[in-house]
């Protein structure tokens, strides 16, 4: 799984030739800690098909603000450099997988 920094975001997400799933999180966020193993599973399952990345909002507040992230965890799905959809809060592995499969359809 990719650990994003503000300076990497454009190259790794917006200019990626593959879909990218970005988990917006923070170290102090308990729901973020709950969803972390699910995001890691997704990263392992879809390796090679899409990128899965984490972005700590405390270290990249400008990007979180730019994309209107008001609550965490927020998972934003990017396709072709634009937001495709998003999920907010603790969600199931199936919910994330369903959104990824939609992007490939």
C-alpha atoms as a PDB file:
ATOM      1  CA  UNK A   1       0.000   0.000   0.000  1.00  0.00           C
ATOM      2  CA  UNK A   2       1.217   3.456  -0.920  1.00  0.00           C
ATOM      3  CA  UNK A   3       1.670   6.094   1.808  1.00  0.00           C
ATOM      4  CA  UNK A   4       0.928   9.378   0.054  1.00  0.00           C
ATOM      5  CA  UNK A   5       2.386  12.779   0.849  1.00  0.00           C
ATOM      6  CA  UNK A   6       1.047  16.072  -0.483  1.00  0.00           C
ATOM      7  CA  UNK A   7       3.867  16.370  -3.003  1.00  0.00           C
ATOM      8  CA  UNK A   8       3.149  12.875  -4.421  1.00  0.00           C
ATOM      9  CA  UNK A   9      -0.603  13.255  -4.823  1.00  0.00           C
ATOM     10  CA  UNK A  10      -0.737  14.661  -8.349  1.00  0.00           C
ATOM     11  CA  UNK A  11       1.734  12.149  -9.774  1.00  0.00           C
ATOM     12  CA  UNK A  12       0.460   9.061  -7.924  1.00  0.00           C
ATOM     13  CA  UNK A  13      -3.285   9.784  -8.055  1.00  0.00           C
ATOM     14  CA  UNK A  14      -4.316  12.418 -10.583  1.00  0.00           C
ATOM     15  CA  UNK A  15      -1.858  11.318 -13.291  1.00  0.00           C
ATOM     16  CA  UNK A  16      -2.097   7.571 -12.616  1.00  0.00           C
ATOM     17  CA  UNK A  17      -2.849   5.297 -15.550  1.00  0.00           C
ATOM     18  CA  UNK A  18      -4.692   2.946 -13.159  1.00  0.00           C
ATOM     19  CA  UNK A  19      -7.659   3.628 -10.881  1.00  0.00           C
ATOM     20  CA  UNK A  20      -6.588   4.773  -7.411  1.00  0.00           C
ATOM     21  CA  UNK A  21      -8.338   4.255  -4.086  1.00  0.00           C
ATOM     22  CA  UNK A  22      -7.277   6.783  -1.439  1.00  0.00           C
ATOM     23  CA  UNK A  23      -8.027   6.281   2.241  1.00  0.00           C
ATOM     24  CA  UNK A  24      -8.104   9.683   3.972  1.00  0.00           C
ATOM     25  CA  UNK A  25      -7.271   8.996   7.637  1.00  0.00           C
ATOM     26  CA  UNK A  26      -5.555  10.287  10.797  1.00  0.00           C
ATOM     27  CA  UNK A  27      -3.573   8.596  13.567  1.00  0.00           C
ATOM     28  CA  UNK A  28      -6.045   9.743  16.265  1.00  0.00           C
ATOM     29  CA  UNK A  29      -9.121   8.431  14.415  1.00  0.00           C
ATOM     30  CA  UNK A  30     -10.462   5.189  15.930  1.00  0.00           C
ATOM     31  CA  UNK A  31     -12.806   4.400  12.991  1.00  0.00           C
ATOM     32  CA  UNK A  32      -9.763   4.826  10.702  1.00  0.00           C
ATOM     33  CA  UNK A  33      -7.912   2.211  12.739  1.00  0.00           C
ATOM     34  CA  UNK A  34     -10.925  -0.097  12.457  1.00  0.00           C
ATOM     35  CA  UNK A  35     -11.006   0.116   8.666  1.00  0.00           C
ATOM     36  CA  UNK A  36      -7.213  -0.073   8.142  1.00  0.00           C
ATOM     37  CA  UNK A  37      -7.043  -3.902   7.922  1.00  0.00           C
ATOM     38  CA  UNK A  38      -9.864  -3.887   5.363  1.00  0.00           C
ATOM     39  CA  UNK A  39      -8.032  -1.311   3.236  1.00  0.00           C
ATOM     40  CA  UNK A  40      -4.878  -3.441   3.454  1.00  0.00           C
ATOM     41  CA  UNK A  41      -6.843  -6.505   2.285  1.00  0.00           C
ATOM     42  CA  UNK A  42      -8.210  -4.506  -0.645  1.00  0.00           C
ATOM     43  CA  UNK A  43      -4.667  -3.431  -1.521  1.00  0.00           C
ATOM     44  CA  UNK A  44      -3.511  -7.061  -1.552  1.00  0.00           C
ATOM     45  CA  UNK A  45      -6.551  -8.302  -3.499  1.00  0.00           C
ATOM     46  CA  UNK A  46      -6.381  -5.696  -6.257  1.00  0.00           C
ATOM     47  CA  UNK A  47      -2.588  -5.446  -6.538  1.00  0.00           C
ATOM     48  CA  UNK A  48      -1.693  -4.730 -10.165  1.00  0.00           C
ATOM     49  CA  UNK A  49      -5.254  -3.729 -11.095  1.00  0.00           C
ATOM     50  CA  UNK A  50      -5.433  -0.472  -9.156  1.00  0.00           C
ATOM     51  CA  UNK A  51      -3.413   1.506  -6.643  1.00  0.00           C
ATOM     52  CA  UNK A  52      -4.484   1.661  -3.016  1.00  0.00           C
ATOM     53  CA  UNK A  53      -3.071   4.513  -0.972  1.00  0.00           C
ATOM     54  CA  UNK A  54      -3.409   6.153   2.424  1.00  0.00           C
ATOM     55  CA  UNK A  55      -3.243   9.897   3.003  1.00  0.00           C
ATOM     56  CA  UNK A  56      -2.862  11.248   6.529  1.00  0.00           C
ATOM     57  CA  UNK A  57      -5.042  14.359   6.609  1.00  0.00           C
ATOM     58  CA  UNK A  58      -2.968  15.927   9.385  1.00  0.00           C
ATOM     59  CA  UNK A  59       0.017  15.907   7.023  1.00  0.00           C
ATOM     60  CA  UNK A  60      -1.955  16.841   3.893  1.00  0.00           C
ATOM     61  CA  UNK A  61      -4.770  19.118   5.040  1.00  0.00           C
ATOM     62  CA  UNK A  62      -4.700  21.070   1.768  1.00  0.00           C
ATOM     63  CA  UNK A  63      -5.542  17.984  -0.275  1.00  0.00           C
ATOM     64  CA  UNK A  64      -8.245  16.886   2.173  1.00  0.00           C
ATOM     65  CA  UNK A  65      -9.760  20.362   1.934  1.00  0.00           C
ATOM     66  CA  UNK A  66      -9.505  20.441  -1.875  1.00  0.00           C
ATOM     67  CA  UNK A  67     -11.523  17.225  -2.095  1.00  0.00           C
ATOM     68  CA  UNK A  68     -14.050  18.268   0.553  1.00  0.00           C
ATOM     69  CA  UNK A  69     -13.143  15.580   3.068  1.00  0.00           C
ATOM     70  CA  UNK A  70     -15.249  16.556   6.084  1.00  0.00           C
ATOM     71  CA  UNK A  71     -15.278  13.255   7.994  1.00  0.00           C
ATOM     72  CA  UNK A  72     -12.792  10.426   8.258  1.00  0.00           C
ATOM     73  CA  UNK A  73     -12.316   7.762   7.277  1.00  0.00           C
ATOM     74  CA  UNK A  74     -13.226   8.788   3.738  1.00  0.00           C
ATOM     75  CA  UNK A  75     -12.260   6.580   0.827  1.00  0.00           C
ATOM     76  CA  UNK A  76     -12.210   8.344  -2.539  1.00  0.00           C
ATOM     77  CA  UNK A  77     -12.045   6.333  -5.739  1.00  0.00           C
ATOM     78  CA  UNK A  78     -10.205   8.080  -8.586  1.00  0.00           C
ATOM     79  CA  UNK A  79     -10.459   7.066 -12.227  1.00  0.00           C
ATOM     80  CA  UNK A  80      -8.742   8.955 -15.040  1.00  0.00           C
ATOM     81  CA  UNK A  81      -7.517  11.607 -12.628  1.00  0.00           C
ATOM     82  CA  UNK A  82     -10.989  12.534 -11.362  1.00  0.00           C
ATOM     83  CA  UNK A  83     -13.109  11.474  -8.448  1.00  0.00           C
ATOM     84  CA  UNK A  84     -15.332   8.570  -9.442  1.00  0.00           C
ATOM     85  CA  UNK A  85     -17.130   8.062  -6.112  1.00  0.00           C
ATOM     86  CA  UNK A  86     -16.516   7.991  -2.373  1.00  0.00           C
ATOM     87  CA  UNK A  87     -17.426   6.117   0.785  1.00  0.00           C
ATOM     88  CA  UNK A  88     -17.503   7.804   4.201  1.00  0.00           C
ATOM     89  CA  UNK A  89     -17.215   6.119   7.582  1.00  0.00           C
ATOM     90  CA  UNK A  90     -16.493   2.532   8.513  1.00  0.00           C
ATOM     91  CA  UNK A  91     -17.607   0.417   5.568  1.00  0.00           C
ATOM     92  CA  UNK A  92     -17.371  -3.255   4.746  1.00  0.00           C
ATOM     93  CA  UNK A  93     -14.828  -4.901   2.502  1.00  0.00           C
ATOM     94  CA  UNK A  94     -17.703  -5.795   0.164  1.00  0.00           C
ATOM     95  CA  UNK A  95     -18.787  -2.152  -0.115  1.00  0.00           C
ATOM     96  CA  UNK A  96     -15.279  -1.148  -1.177  1.00  0.00           C
ATOM     97  CA  UNK A  97     -14.950  -4.092  -3.580  1.00  0.00           C
ATOM     98  CA  UNK A  98     -18.322  -3.274  -5.152  1.00  0.00           C
ATOM     99  CA  UNK A  99     -17.183   0.296  -5.922  1.00  0.00           C
ATOM    100  CA  UNK A 100     -13.912  -0.983  -7.412  1.00  0.00           C
ATOM    101  CA  UNK A 101     -15.770  -3.472  -9.598  1.00  0.00           C
ATOM    102  CA  UNK A 102     -18.088  -0.640 -10.772  1.00  0.00           C
ATOM    103  CA  UNK A 103     -15.045   1.344 -11.885  1.00  0.00           C
ATOM    104  CA  UNK A 104     -13.843  -1.584 -14.014  1.00  0.00           C
ATOM    105  CA  UNK A 105     -17.277  -2.218 -15.565  1.00  0.00           C
END
